[in-house]
PDB file of N, CA and C in Angstrom:
ATOM      1  N   MET A   1     -29.942  -2.880  29.119  1.00  0.00           N
ATOM      2  CA  MET A   1     -28.789  -2.427  28.050  1.00  0.00           C
ATOM      3  C   MET A   1     -28.338  -1.171  28.586  1.00  0.00           C
ATOM      4  N   SER A   2     -27.260  -0.802  28.788  1.00  0.00           N
ATOM      5  CA  SER A   2     -26.475   0.350  29.267  1.00  0.00           C
ATOM      6  C   SER A   2     -26.608   1.564  28.071  1.00  0.00           C
ATOM      7  N   GLU A   3     -26.583   2.814  28.297  1.00  0.00           N
ATOM      8  CA  GLU A   3     -26.419   3.898  27.378  1.00  0.00           C
ATOM      9  C   GLU A   3     -25.391   3.687  26.357  1.00  0.00           C
ATOM     10  N   GLU A   4     -24.209   3.309  26.986  1.00  0.00           N
ATOM     11  CA  GLU A   4     -23.007   3.203  26.120  1.00  0.00           C
ATOM     12  C   GLU A   4     -23.330   2.200  24.981  1.00  0.00           C
ATOM     13  N   GLN A   5     -23.950   0.979  25.323  1.00  0.00           N
ATOM     14  CA  GLN A   5     -24.238  -0.076  24.299  1.00  0.00           C
ATOM     15  C   GLN A   5     -25.341   0.439  23.324  1.00  0.00           C
ATOM     16  N   ASN A   6     -26.205   1.246  23.667  1.00  0.00           N
ATOM     17  CA  ASN A   6     -27.042   1.820  22.781  1.00  0.00           C
ATOM     18  C   ASN A   6     -26.453   2.710  21.781  1.00  0.00           C
ATOM     19  N   GLU A   7     -25.278   3.397  21.995  1.00  0.00           N
ATOM     20  CA  GLU A   7     -24.654   4.212  21.302  1.00  0.00           C
ATOM     21  C   GLU A   7     -23.702   3.710  20.289  1.00  0.00           C
ATOM     22  N   ARG A   8     -23.270   2.376  20.501  1.00  0.00           N
ATOM     23  CA  ARG A   8     -22.544   1.692  19.530  1.00  0.00           C
ATOM     24  C   ARG A   8     -23.172   1.421  18.300  1.00  0.00           C
ATOM     25  N   LEU A   9     -22.396   1.389  17.384  1.00  0.00           N
ATOM     26  CA  LEU A   9     -22.850   0.991  15.831  1.00  0.00           C
ATOM     27  C   LEU A   9     -22.921  -0.329  15.921  1.00  0.00           C
ATOM     28  N   SER A  10     -24.031  -0.589  14.905  1.00  0.00           N
ATOM     29  CA  SER A  10     -24.441  -2.097  14.609  1.00  0.00           C
ATOM     30  C   SER A  10     -23.316  -2.654  13.743  1.00  0.00           C
ATOM     31  N   LEU A  11     -23.153  -3.968  13.855  1.00  0.00           N
ATOM     32  CA  LEU A  11     -22.147  -4.674  12.754  1.00  0.00           C
ATOM     33  C   LEU A  11     -22.574  -4.234  11.272  1.00  0.00           C
ATOM     34  N   PRO A  12     -23.678  -4.024  11.014  1.00  0.00           N
ATOM     35  CA  PRO A  12     -23.964  -3.579   9.307  1.00  0.00           C
ATOM     36  C   PRO A  12     -23.412  -2.162   9.327  1.00  0.00           C
ATOM     37  N   GLU A  13     -23.596  -1.386  10.366  1.00  0.00           N
ATOM     38  CA  GLU A  13     -23.145  -0.056  10.214  1.00  0.00           C
ATOM     39  C   GLU A  13     -21.748   0.087  10.126  1.00  0.00           C
ATOM     40  N   LYS A  14     -21.008  -0.757  10.861  1.00  0.00           N
ATOM     41  CA  LYS A  14     -19.650  -0.768  10.723  1.00  0.00           C
ATOM     42  C   LYS A  14     -19.025  -1.132   9.525  1.00  0.00           C
ATOM     43  N   ALA A  15     -19.706  -2.475   8.946  1.00  0.00           N
ATOM     44  CA  ALA A  15     -19.301  -2.839   7.705  1.00  0.00           C
ATOM     45  C   ALA A  15     -19.514  -1.722   6.615  1.00  0.00           C
ATOM     46  N   GLN A  16     -20.635  -1.005   6.560  1.00  0.00           N
ATOM     47  CA  GLN A  16     -20.886   0.048   5.777  1.00  0.00           C
ATOM     48  C   GLN A  16     -19.839   1.214   5.826  1.00  0.00           C
ATOM     49  N   ASN A  17     -19.431   1.590   7.010  1.00  0.00           N
ATOM     50  CA  ASN A  17     -18.365   2.610   7.103  1.00  0.00           C
ATOM     51  C   ASN A  17     -16.954   2.028   6.598  1.00  0.00           C
ATOM     52  N   LEU A  18     -16.707   0.802   6.967  1.00  0.00           N
ATOM     53  CA  LEU A  18     -15.511   0.088   6.382  1.00  0.00           C
ATOM     54  C   LEU A  18     -15.501   0.284   4.784  1.00  0.00           C
ATOM     55  N   ALA A  19     -16.615  -0.098   4.380  1.00  0.00           N
ATOM     56  CA  ALA A  19     -16.683  -0.334   2.870  1.00  0.00           C
ATOM     57  C   ALA A  19     -16.469   1.205   2.331  1.00  0.00           C
ATOM     58  N   LYS A  20     -17.303   2.202   2.812  1.00  0.00           N
ATOM     59  CA  LYS A  20     -17.012   3.441   2.211  1.00  0.00           C
ATOM     60  C   LYS A  20     -15.657   4.006   2.358  1.00  0.00           C
ATOM     61  N   PHE A  21     -14.927   3.605   3.613  1.00  0.00           N
ATOM     62  CA  PHE A  21     -13.625   4.101   3.687  1.00  0.00           C
ATOM     63  C   PHE A  21     -12.768   3.448   2.589  1.00  0.00           C
ATOM     64  N   SER A  22     -12.818   2.092   2.524  1.00  0.00           N
ATOM     65  CA  SER A  22     -12.202   1.237   1.581  1.00  0.00           C
ATOM     66  C   SER A  22     -12.230   1.787   0.105  1.00  0.00           C
ATOM     67  N   TRP A  23     -13.470   2.236  -0.166  1.00  0.00           N
ATOM     68  CA  TRP A  23     -13.790   2.724  -1.589  1.00  0.00           C
ATOM     69  C   TRP A  23     -13.248   4.034  -1.694  1.00  0.00           C
ATOM     70  N   ASP A  24     -13.152   4.994  -0.680  1.00  0.00           N
ATOM     71  CA  ASP A  24     -12.636   6.291  -0.864  1.00  0.00           C
ATOM     72  C   ASP A  24     -11.078   6.069  -0.951  1.00  0.00           C
ATOM     73  N   LEU A  25     -10.459   5.322  -0.181  1.00  0.00           N
ATOM     74  CA  LEU A  25      -9.026   5.147  -0.326  1.00  0.00           C
ATOM     75  C   LEU A  25      -8.731   4.484  -1.623  1.00  0.00           C
ATOM     76  N   ILE A  26      -9.353   3.694  -2.113  1.00  0.00           N
ATOM     77  CA  ILE A  26      -9.004   3.008  -3.581  1.00  0.00           C
ATOM     78  C   ILE A  26      -9.256   4.238  -4.538  1.00  0.00           C
ATOM     79  N   LYS A  27     -10.418   5.163  -4.526  1.00  0.00           N
ATOM     80  CA  LYS A  27     -10.419   5.964  -5.491  1.00  0.00           C
ATOM     81  C   LYS A  27      -9.314   7.085  -5.258  1.00  0.00           C
ATOM     82  N   TYR A  28      -8.856   7.257  -4.035  1.00  0.00           N
ATOM     83  CA  TYR A  28      -7.847   8.355  -3.764  1.00  0.00           C
ATOM     84  C   TYR A  28      -6.425   7.708  -4.302  1.00  0.00           C
ATOM     85  N   LEU A  29      -6.177   6.700  -4.186  1.00  0.00           N
ATOM     86  CA  LEU A  29      -5.045   5.910  -4.705  1.00  0.00           C
ATOM     87  C   LEU A  29      -4.911   5.846  -6.189  1.00  0.00           C
ATOM     88  N   HIS A  30      -6.148   5.581  -6.554  1.00  0.00           N
ATOM     89  CA  HIS A  30      -6.134   5.735  -8.198  1.00  0.00           C
ATOM     90  C   HIS A  30      -6.112   7.058  -8.658  1.00  0.00           C
ATOM     91  N   SER A  31      -6.583   8.193  -8.086  1.00  0.00           N
ATOM     92  CA  SER A  31      -6.395   9.484  -8.627  1.00  0.00           C
ATOM     93  C   SER A  31      -5.037  10.021  -8.412  1.00  0.00           C
ATOM     94  N   THR A  32      -4.218   9.428  -7.459  1.00  0.00           N
ATOM     95  CA  THR A  32      -2.938   9.931  -7.219  1.00  0.00           C
ATOM     96  C   THR A  32      -1.847   9.016  -7.873  1.00  0.00           C
ATOM     97  N   GLU A  33      -2.397   7.937  -8.599  1.00  0.00           N
ATOM     98  CA  GLU A  33      -1.727   6.897  -9.308  1.00  0.00           C
ATOM     99  C   GLU A  33      -0.699   6.050  -8.253  1.00  0.00           C
ATOM    100  N   GLY A  34      -1.183   6.087  -6.878  1.00  0.00           N
ATOM    101  CA  GLY A  34      -0.423   5.323  -6.058  1.00  0.00           C
ATOM    102  C   GLY A  34       0.896   6.074  -5.755  1.00  0.00           C
ATOM    103  N   SER A  35       1.157   7.155  -6.077  1.00  0.00           N
ATOM    104  CA  SER A  35       2.346   7.836  -5.885  1.00  0.00           C
ATOM    105  C   SER A  35       2.831   7.956  -4.195  1.00  0.00           C
ATOM    106  N   ARG A  36       1.803   7.897  -3.433  1.00  0.00           N
ATOM    107  CA  ARG A  36       2.111   8.178  -2.002  1.00  0.00           C
ATOM    108  C   ARG A  36       2.462   6.765  -1.363  1.00  0.00           C
ATOM    109  N   LEU A  37       2.525   5.548  -2.242  1.00  0.00           N
ATOM    110  CA  LEU A  37       2.970   4.410  -1.741  1.00  0.00           C
ATOM    111  C   LEU A  37       3.904   3.856  -2.383  1.00  0.00           C
ATOM    112  N   THR A  38       4.765   4.554  -3.299  1.00  0.00           N
ATOM    113  CA  THR A  38       5.925   4.127  -4.008  1.00  0.00           C
ATOM    114  C   THR A  38       7.116   4.591  -3.371  1.00  0.00           C
ATOM    115  N   VAL A  39       8.246   3.889  -3.891  1.00  0.00           N
ATOM    116  CA  VAL A  39       9.542   4.405  -3.496  1.00  0.00           C
ATOM    117  C   VAL A  39      10.019   5.280  -4.546  1.00  0.00           C
ATOM    118  N   SER A  40      11.298   6.003  -4.084  1.00  0.00           N
ATOM    119  CA  SER A  40      11.827   6.851  -5.016  1.00  0.00           C
ATOM    120  C   SER A  40      12.534   6.137  -6.192  1.00  0.00           C
ATOM    121  N   ASP A  41      12.887   6.838  -7.271  1.00  0.00           N
ATOM    122  CA  ASP A  41      13.482   6.138  -8.302  1.00  0.00           C
ATOM    123  C   ASP A  41      14.888   5.402  -7.834  1.00  0.00           C
ATOM    124  N   GLU A  42      15.500   6.110  -6.945  1.00  0.00           N
ATOM    125  CA  GLU A  42      16.855   5.708  -6.531  1.00  0.00           C
ATOM    126  C   GLU A  42      16.691   4.400  -5.772  1.00  0.00           C
ATOM    127  N   ILE A  43      15.739   4.267  -5.058  1.00  0.00           N
ATOM    128  CA  ILE A  43      15.569   3.011  -4.244  1.00  0.00           C
ATOM    129  C   ILE A  43      14.926   1.828  -5.188  1.00  0.00           C
ATOM    130  N   TYR A  44      14.174   2.483  -6.207  1.00  0.00           N
ATOM    131  CA  TYR A  44      13.704   1.327  -7.156  1.00  0.00           C
ATOM    132  C   TYR A  44      14.853   0.713  -7.948  1.00  0.00           C
ATOM    133  N   LYS A  45      15.554   1.530  -8.443  1.00  0.00           N
ATOM    134  CA  LYS A  45      16.876   1.076  -9.330  1.00  0.00           C
ATOM    135  C   LYS A  45      17.692   0.096  -8.394  1.00  0.00           C
ATOM    136  N   GLU A  46      18.113   0.418  -7.061  1.00  0.00           N
ATOM    137  CA  GLU A  46      18.764  -0.329  -6.178  1.00  0.00           C
ATOM    138  C   GLU A  46      18.014  -1.785  -6.063  1.00  0.00           C
ATOM    139  N   ARG A  47      16.723  -1.643  -5.795  1.00  0.00           N
ATOM    140  CA  ARG A  47      15.929  -3.113  -5.906  1.00  0.00           C
ATOM    141  C   ARG A  47      16.066  -3.811  -7.052  1.00  0.00           C
ATOM    142  N   ILE A  48      15.872  -3.155  -8.260  1.00  0.00           N
ATOM    143  CA  ILE A  48      15.822  -3.932  -9.373  1.00  0.00           C
ATOM    144  C   ILE A  48      17.266  -4.481  -9.779  1.00  0.00           C
ATOM    145  N   THR A  49      18.287  -3.726  -9.396  1.00  0.00           N
ATOM    146  CA  THR A  49      19.640  -4.233  -9.595  1.00  0.00           C
ATOM    147  C   THR A  49      19.913  -5.584  -8.585  1.00  0.00           C
ATOM    148  N   ILE A  50      19.307  -5.441  -7.372  1.00  0.00           N
ATOM    149  CA  ILE A  50      19.609  -6.672  -6.685  1.00  0.00           C
ATOM    150  C   ILE A  50      18.797  -7.835  -7.134  1.00  0.00           C
ATOM    151  N   CYS A  51      17.604  -7.643  -7.630  1.00  0.00           N
ATOM    152  CA  CYS A  51      16.807  -8.746  -8.144  1.00  0.00           C
ATOM    153  C   CYS A  51      17.518  -9.244  -9.422  1.00  0.00           C
ATOM    154  N   ARG A  52      17.989  -8.495 -10.311  1.00  0.00           N
ATOM    155  CA  ARG A  52      18.586  -8.896 -11.454  1.00  0.00           C
ATOM    156  C   ARG A  52      19.756  -9.727 -11.349  1.00  0.00           C
ATOM    157  N   ASN A  53      20.487  -9.520 -10.250  1.00  0.00           N
ATOM    158  CA  ASN A  53      21.663 -10.293  -9.765  1.00  0.00           C
ATOM    159  C   ASN A  53      21.274 -11.534  -8.925  1.00  0.00           C
ATOM    160  N   CYS A  54      20.151 -11.780  -8.765  1.00  0.00           N
ATOM    161  CA  CYS A  54      19.780 -12.956  -7.878  1.00  0.00           C
ATOM    162  C   CYS A  54      19.436 -14.230  -8.758  1.00  0.00           C
ATOM    163  N   PRO A  55      19.799 -15.310  -8.279  1.00  0.00           N
ATOM    164  CA  PRO A  55      19.594 -16.492  -8.918  1.00  0.00           C
ATOM    165  C   PRO A  55      18.158 -16.935  -9.125  1.00  0.00           C
ATOM    166  N   LYS A  56      17.217 -16.309  -8.469  1.00  0.00           N
ATOM    167  CA  LYS A  56      15.790 -16.529  -8.454  1.00  0.00           C
ATOM    168  C   LYS A  56      15.147 -15.588  -9.533  1.00  0.00           C
ATOM    169  N   PHE A  57      15.942 -14.701 -10.171  1.00  0.00           N
ATOM    170  CA  PHE A  57      15.398 -13.772 -11.073  1.00  0.00           C
ATOM    171  C   PHE A  57      15.081 -14.557 -12.463  1.00  0.00           C
ATOM    172  N   LEU A  58      13.652 -14.403 -12.926  1.00  0.00           N
ATOM    173  CA  LEU A  58      13.386 -15.001 -14.297  1.00  0.00           C
ATOM    174  C   LEU A  58      13.437 -13.955 -15.258  1.00  0.00           C
ATOM    175  N   GLU A  59      14.513 -13.776 -16.024  1.00  0.00           N
ATOM    176  CA  GLU A  59      14.753 -12.717 -17.012  1.00  0.00           C
ATOM    177  C   GLU A  59      13.623 -12.671 -17.947  1.00  0.00           C
ATOM    178  N   MET A  60      13.126 -13.706 -18.711  1.00  0.00           N
ATOM    179  CA  MET A  60      12.172 -13.691 -19.650  1.00  0.00           C
ATOM    180  C   MET A  60      10.732 -13.135 -19.170  1.00  0.00           C
ATOM    181  N   GLN A  61      10.635 -13.536 -17.849  1.00  0.00           N
ATOM    182  CA  GLN A  61       9.213 -13.107 -17.439  1.00  0.00           C
ATOM    183  C   GLN A  61       9.234 -11.945 -16.420  1.00  0.00           C
ATOM    184  N   ASN A  62      10.391 -11.412 -16.230  1.00  0.00           N
ATOM    185  CA  ASN A  62      10.741 -10.309 -15.285  1.00  0.00           C
ATOM    186  C   ASN A  62      10.159 -10.772 -13.857  1.00  0.00           C
ATOM    187  N   GLU A  63      10.220 -11.858 -13.574  1.00  0.00           N
ATOM    188  CA  GLU A  63       9.708 -12.235 -12.205  1.00  0.00           C
ATOM    189  C   GLU A  63      10.640 -12.908 -11.372  1.00  0.00           C
ATOM    190  N   CYS A  64      10.444 -12.897 -10.117  1.00  0.00           N
ATOM    191  CA  CYS A  64      10.951 -13.749  -9.002  1.00  0.00           C
ATOM    192  C   CYS A  64      10.410 -15.120  -9.000  1.00  0.00           C
ATOM    193  N   SER A  65      11.379 -16.139  -9.019  1.00  0.00           N
ATOM    194  CA  SER A  65      10.904 -17.398  -8.987  1.00  0.00           C
ATOM    195  C   SER A  65      10.547 -17.921  -7.523  1.00  0.00           C
ATOM    196  N   GLU A  66      11.042 -17.290  -6.528  1.00  0.00           N
ATOM    197  CA  GLU A  66      10.742 -17.501  -5.116  1.00  0.00           C
ATOM    198  C   GLU A  66       9.306 -17.083  -4.703  1.00  0.00           C
ATOM    199  N   CYS A  67       8.786 -15.890  -5.086  1.00  0.00           N
ATOM    200  CA  CYS A  67       7.616 -15.498  -4.792  1.00  0.00           C
ATOM    201  C   CYS A  67       6.500 -15.324  -5.994  1.00  0.00           C
ATOM    202  N   GLY A  68       7.090 -15.332  -7.138  1.00  0.00           N
ATOM    203  CA  GLY A  68       6.223 -15.299  -8.386  1.00  0.00           C
ATOM    204  C   GLY A  68       5.726 -13.816  -8.783  1.00  0.00           C
ATOM    205  N   CYS A  69       6.367 -12.927  -8.047  1.00  0.00           N
ATOM    206  CA  CYS A  69       5.919 -11.494  -8.457  1.00  0.00           C
ATOM    207  C   CYS A  69       6.586 -10.755  -9.717  1.00  0.00           C
ATOM    208  N   TYR A  70       5.761  -9.845 -10.208  1.00  0.00           N
ATOM    209  CA  TYR A  70       6.391  -9.228 -11.303  1.00  0.00           C
ATOM    210  C   TYR A  70       7.166  -8.170 -10.796  1.00  0.00           C
ATOM    211  N   LEU A  71       8.717  -8.110 -10.936  1.00  0.00           N
ATOM    212  CA  LEU A  71       9.478  -7.306 -10.283  1.00  0.00           C
ATOM    213  C   LEU A  71       9.298  -5.783 -10.493  1.00  0.00           C
ATOM    214  N   PRO A  72       8.989  -5.342 -11.634  1.00  0.00           N
ATOM    215  CA  PRO A  72       8.923  -3.937 -11.907  1.00  0.00           C
ATOM    216  C   PRO A  72       7.906  -3.359 -10.944  1.00  0.00           C
ATOM    217  N   MET A  73       6.786  -4.099 -10.633  1.00  0.00           N
ATOM    218  CA  MET A  73       5.736  -3.730  -9.888  1.00  0.00           C
ATOM    219  C   MET A  73       6.137  -3.668  -8.292  1.00  0.00           C
ATOM    220  N   LYS A  74       6.613  -4.945  -8.027  1.00  0.00           N
ATOM    221  CA  LYS A  74       7.073  -5.355  -6.588  1.00  0.00           C
ATOM    222  C   LYS A  74       8.099  -4.220  -5.998  1.00  0.00           C
ATOM    223  N   ALA A  75       9.099  -3.939  -6.913  1.00  0.00           N
ATOM    224  CA  ALA A  75      10.318  -3.089  -6.515  1.00  0.00           C
ATOM    225  C   ALA A  75       9.725  -1.800  -6.302  1.00  0.00           C
ATOM    226  N   ARG A  76       8.803  -1.391  -6.937  1.00  0.00           N
ATOM    227  CA  ARG A  76       8.337  -0.006  -6.898  1.00  0.00           C
ATOM    228  C   ARG A  76       7.437   0.290  -5.495  1.00  0.00           C
ATOM    229  N   MET A  77       6.734  -0.861  -4.993  1.00  0.00           N
ATOM    230  CA  MET A  77       5.904  -0.530  -3.880  1.00  0.00           C
ATOM    231  C   MET A  77       6.628  -0.505  -2.577  1.00  0.00           C
ATOM    232  N   GLY A  78       6.398   0.618  -1.875  1.00  0.00           N
ATOM    233  CA  GLY A  78       7.212   0.815  -0.758  1.00  0.00           C
ATOM    234  C   GLY A  78       6.962  -0.023   0.473  1.00  0.00           C
ATOM    235  N   MET A  79       5.834  -0.573   0.541  1.00  0.00           N
ATOM    236  CA  MET A  79       5.565  -1.633   1.667  1.00  0.00           C
ATOM    237  C   MET A  79       5.949  -3.071   1.359  1.00  0.00           C
ATOM    238  N   ASP A  80       6.427  -3.313   0.236  1.00  0.00           N
ATOM    239  CA  ASP A  80       6.751  -4.827  -0.264  1.00  0.00           C
ATOM    240  C   ASP A  80       8.266  -4.924   0.177  1.00  0.00           C
ATOM    241  N   SER A  81       8.609  -6.164   0.252  1.00  0.00           N
ATOM    242  CA  SER A  81      10.036  -6.592   0.499  1.00  0.00           C
ATOM    243  C   SER A  81      10.421  -7.924  -0.371  1.00  0.00           C
ATOM    244  N   CYS A  82      11.441  -8.154  -0.322  1.00  0.00           N
ATOM    245  CA  CYS A  82      12.100  -9.334  -0.989  1.00  0.00           C
ATOM    246  C   CYS A  82      11.860 -10.568   0.075  1.00  0.00           C
ATOM    247  N   PRO A  83      11.255 -11.682  -0.454  1.00  0.00           N
ATOM    248  CA  PRO A  83      10.991 -12.862   0.326  1.00  0.00           C
ATOM    249  C   PRO A  83      12.349 -13.332   0.882  1.00  0.00           C
ATOM    250  N   LEU A  84      13.406 -13.114   0.181  1.00  0.00           N
ATOM    251  CA  LEU A  84      14.861 -13.677   0.541  1.00  0.00           C
ATOM    252  C   LEU A  84      15.568 -12.683   1.523  1.00  0.00           C
ATOM    253  N   GLY A  85      14.877 -11.601   1.846  1.00  0.00           N
ATOM    254  CA  GLY A  85      15.636 -10.615   2.833  1.00  0.00           C
ATOM    255  C   GLY A  85      16.525  -9.930   2.080  1.00  0.00           C
ATOM    256  N   LYS A  86      16.738  -9.875   0.651  1.00  0.00           N
ATOM    257  CA  LYS A  86      17.641  -9.035  -0.116  1.00  0.00           C
ATOM    258  C   LYS A  86      17.278  -7.569   0.102  1.00  0.00           C
ATOM    259  N   TRP A  87      16.101  -7.007   0.177  1.00  0.00           N
ATOM    260  CA  TRP A  87      15.783  -5.777   0.410  1.00  0.00           C
ATOM    261  C   TRP A  87      14.451  -5.730   1.250  1.00  0.00           C
ATOM    262  N   THR A  88      14.327  -4.745   1.924  1.00  0.00           N
ATOM    263  CA  THR A  88      13.292  -4.631   2.928  1.00  0.00           C
ATOM    264  C   THR A  88      12.296  -3.609   2.502  1.00  0.00           C
ATOM    265  N   ASP A  89      11.080  -3.565   3.147  1.00  0.00           N
ATOM    266  CA  ASP A  89      10.118  -2.642   2.896  1.00  0.00           C
ATOM    267  C   ASP A  89      10.599  -1.137   3.142  1.00  0.00           C
ATOM    268  N   ASN A  90      10.055  -0.323   2.782  1.00  0.00           N
ATOM    269  CA  ASN A  90      10.489   1.332   3.016  1.00  0.00           C
ATOM    270  C   ASN A  90       9.355   1.892   3.825  1.00  0.00           C
ATOM    271  N   SER A  91       9.110   1.262   5.008  1.00  0.00           N
ATOM    272  CA  SER A  91       8.148   1.963   5.930  1.00  0.00           C
ATOM    273  C   SER A  91       8.420   3.119   6.619  1.00  0.00           C
ATOM    274  N   GLU A  92       9.609   3.539   6.558  1.00  0.00           N
ATOM    275  CA  GLU A  92       9.952   4.744   7.199  1.00  0.00           C
ATOM    276  C   GLU A  92       9.009   5.958   6.830  1.00  0.00           C
ATOM    277  N   GLY A  93       8.525   6.622   7.726  1.00  0.00           N
ATOM    278  CA  GLY A  93       7.584   7.632   7.388  1.00  0.00           C
ATOM    279  C   GLY A  93       6.054   7.140   6.900  1.00  0.00           C
ATOM    280  N   TRP A  94       5.976   5.854   6.873  1.00  0.00           N
ATOM    281  CA  TRP A  94       4.682   5.513   6.410  1.00  0.00           C
ATOM    282  C   TRP A  94       3.406   5.999   7.252  1.00  0.00           C
ATOM    283  N   GLU A  95       3.644   5.899   8.776  1.00  0.00           N
ATOM    284  CA  GLU A  95       2.483   6.180   9.475  1.00  0.00           C
ATOM    285  C   GLU A  95       2.019   7.773   9.221  1.00  0.00           C
ATOM    286  N   GLU A  96       2.913   8.545   9.085  1.00  0.00           N
ATOM    287  CA  GLU A  96       2.927   9.845   8.735  1.00  0.00           C
ATOM    288  C   GLU A  96       2.163  10.158   7.378  1.00  0.00           C
ATOM    289  N   THR A  97       2.621   9.433   6.269  1.00  0.00           N
ATOM    290  CA  THR A  97       2.098   9.405   5.141  1.00  0.00           C
ATOM    291  C   THR A  97       0.587   8.926   5.112  1.00  0.00           C
ATOM    292  N   PHE A  98       0.317   7.804   5.884  1.00  0.00           N
ATOM    293  CA  PHE A  98      -0.946   7.402   5.987  1.00  0.00           C
ATOM    294  C   PHE A  98      -1.999   8.350   6.710  1.00  0.00           C
ATOM    295  N   ASN A  99      -1.273   8.964   7.707  1.00  0.00           N
ATOM    296  CA  ASN A  99      -2.269   9.920   8.317  1.00  0.00           C
ATOM    297  C   ASN A  99      -2.494  11.202   7.459  1.00  0.00           C
ATOM    298  N   ASP A 100      -1.562  11.515   6.760  1.00  0.00           N
ATOM    299  CA  ASP A 100      -1.857  12.498   5.616  1.00  0.00           C
ATOM    300  C   ASP A 100      -2.696  12.226   4.619  1.00  0.00           C
ATOM    301  N   ILE A 101      -2.751  10.897   4.268  1.00  0.00           N
ATOM    302  CA  ILE A 101      -3.959  10.405   3.301  1.00  0.00           C
ATOM    303  C   ILE A 101      -5.340  10.550   3.892  1.00  0.00           C
ATOM    304  N   LEU A 102      -5.322  10.156   5.226  1.00  0.00           N
ATOM    305  CA  LEU A 102      -6.622  10.165   6.022  1.00  0.00           C
ATOM    306  C   LEU A 102      -7.089  11.566   6.072  1.00  0.00           C
ATOM    307  N   LYS A 103      -6.326  12.575   6.300  1.00  0.00           N
ATOM    308  CA  LYS A 103      -6.674  13.877   6.325  1.00  0.00           C
ATOM    309  C   LYS A 103      -7.204  14.410   5.172  1.00  0.00           C
ATOM    310  N   GLU A 104      -6.520  13.888   3.905  1.00  0.00           N
ATOM    311  CA  GLU A 104      -7.190  14.368   2.679  1.00  0.00           C
ATOM    312  C   GLU A 104      -8.346  13.626   2.389  1.00  0.00           C
ATOM    313  N   LEU A 105      -8.649  12.523   2.701  1.00  0.00           N
ATOM    314  CA  LEU A 105      -9.942  11.720   2.523  1.00  0.00           C
ATOM    315  C   LEU A 105     -10.913  12.481   3.256  1.00  0.00           C
ATOM    316  N   ASP A 106     -10.595  12.946   4.622  1.00  0.00           N
ATOM    317  CA  ASP A 106     -11.626  13.526   5.550  1.00  0.00           C
ATOM    318  C   ASP A 106     -12.032  14.935   4.892  1.00  0.00           C
ATOM    319  N   LYS A 107     -10.815  15.574   4.426  1.00  0.00           N
ATOM    320  CA  LYS A 107     -11.220  16.893   3.788  1.00  0.00           C
ATOM    321  C   LYS A 107     -12.205  16.757   2.568  1.00  0.00           C
ATOM    322  N   ASP A 108     -11.849  15.811   1.631  1.00  0.00           N
ATOM    323  CA  ASP A 108     -12.760  15.551   0.489  1.00  0.00           C
ATOM    324  C   ASP A 108     -14.181  15.170   0.973  1.00  0.00           C
ATOM    325  N   SER A 109     -14.291  14.329   1.937  1.00  0.00           N
ATOM    326  CA  SER A 109     -15.648  13.826   2.281  1.00  0.00           C
ATOM    327  C   SER A 109     -16.459  15.011   2.785  1.00  0.00           C
ATOM    328  N   LYS A 110     -15.796  16.051   3.433  1.00  0.00           N
ATOM    329  CA  LYS A 110     -16.665  17.219   3.888  1.00  0.00           C
ATOM    330  C   LYS A 110     -16.957  18.144   2.803  1.00  0.00           C
ATOM    331  N   THR A 111     -16.281  18.072   1.502  1.00  0.00           N
ATOM    332  CA  THR A 111     -16.691  18.886   0.433  1.00  0.00           C
ATOM    333  C   THR A 111     -17.676  18.444  -0.480  1.00  0.00           C
ATOM    334  N   GLU A 112     -17.904  17.093  -0.197  1.00  0.00           N
ATOM    335  CA  GLU A 112     -19.027  16.408  -1.195  1.00  0.00           C
ATOM    336  C   GLU A 112     -20.395  16.714  -0.649  1.00  0.00           C
TER     337      GLU A 112
END
């Protein structure tokens, strides 16, 4: 076995690292109430207006009959989009936001 292969993490170690990262990310998103993943009030209002004027909008349930999503939540999420293409995800700047989140997680893990 080469030296490089000896230095590689085992599958259980990789799984443990992924689980820790996932848990840390969930805790971070909970502590920030997901604010880094949502759209502005202006974009939210535009999306909701589009949905309410769509024939697939179920007013009593506040849902989309095309995808079944609860629209107040779906329209707020930055990475979500309309299944009919009436509005798209708001991924502009997402990579930068995600990298900022990673830096914050890294900083928090060093202080623990």
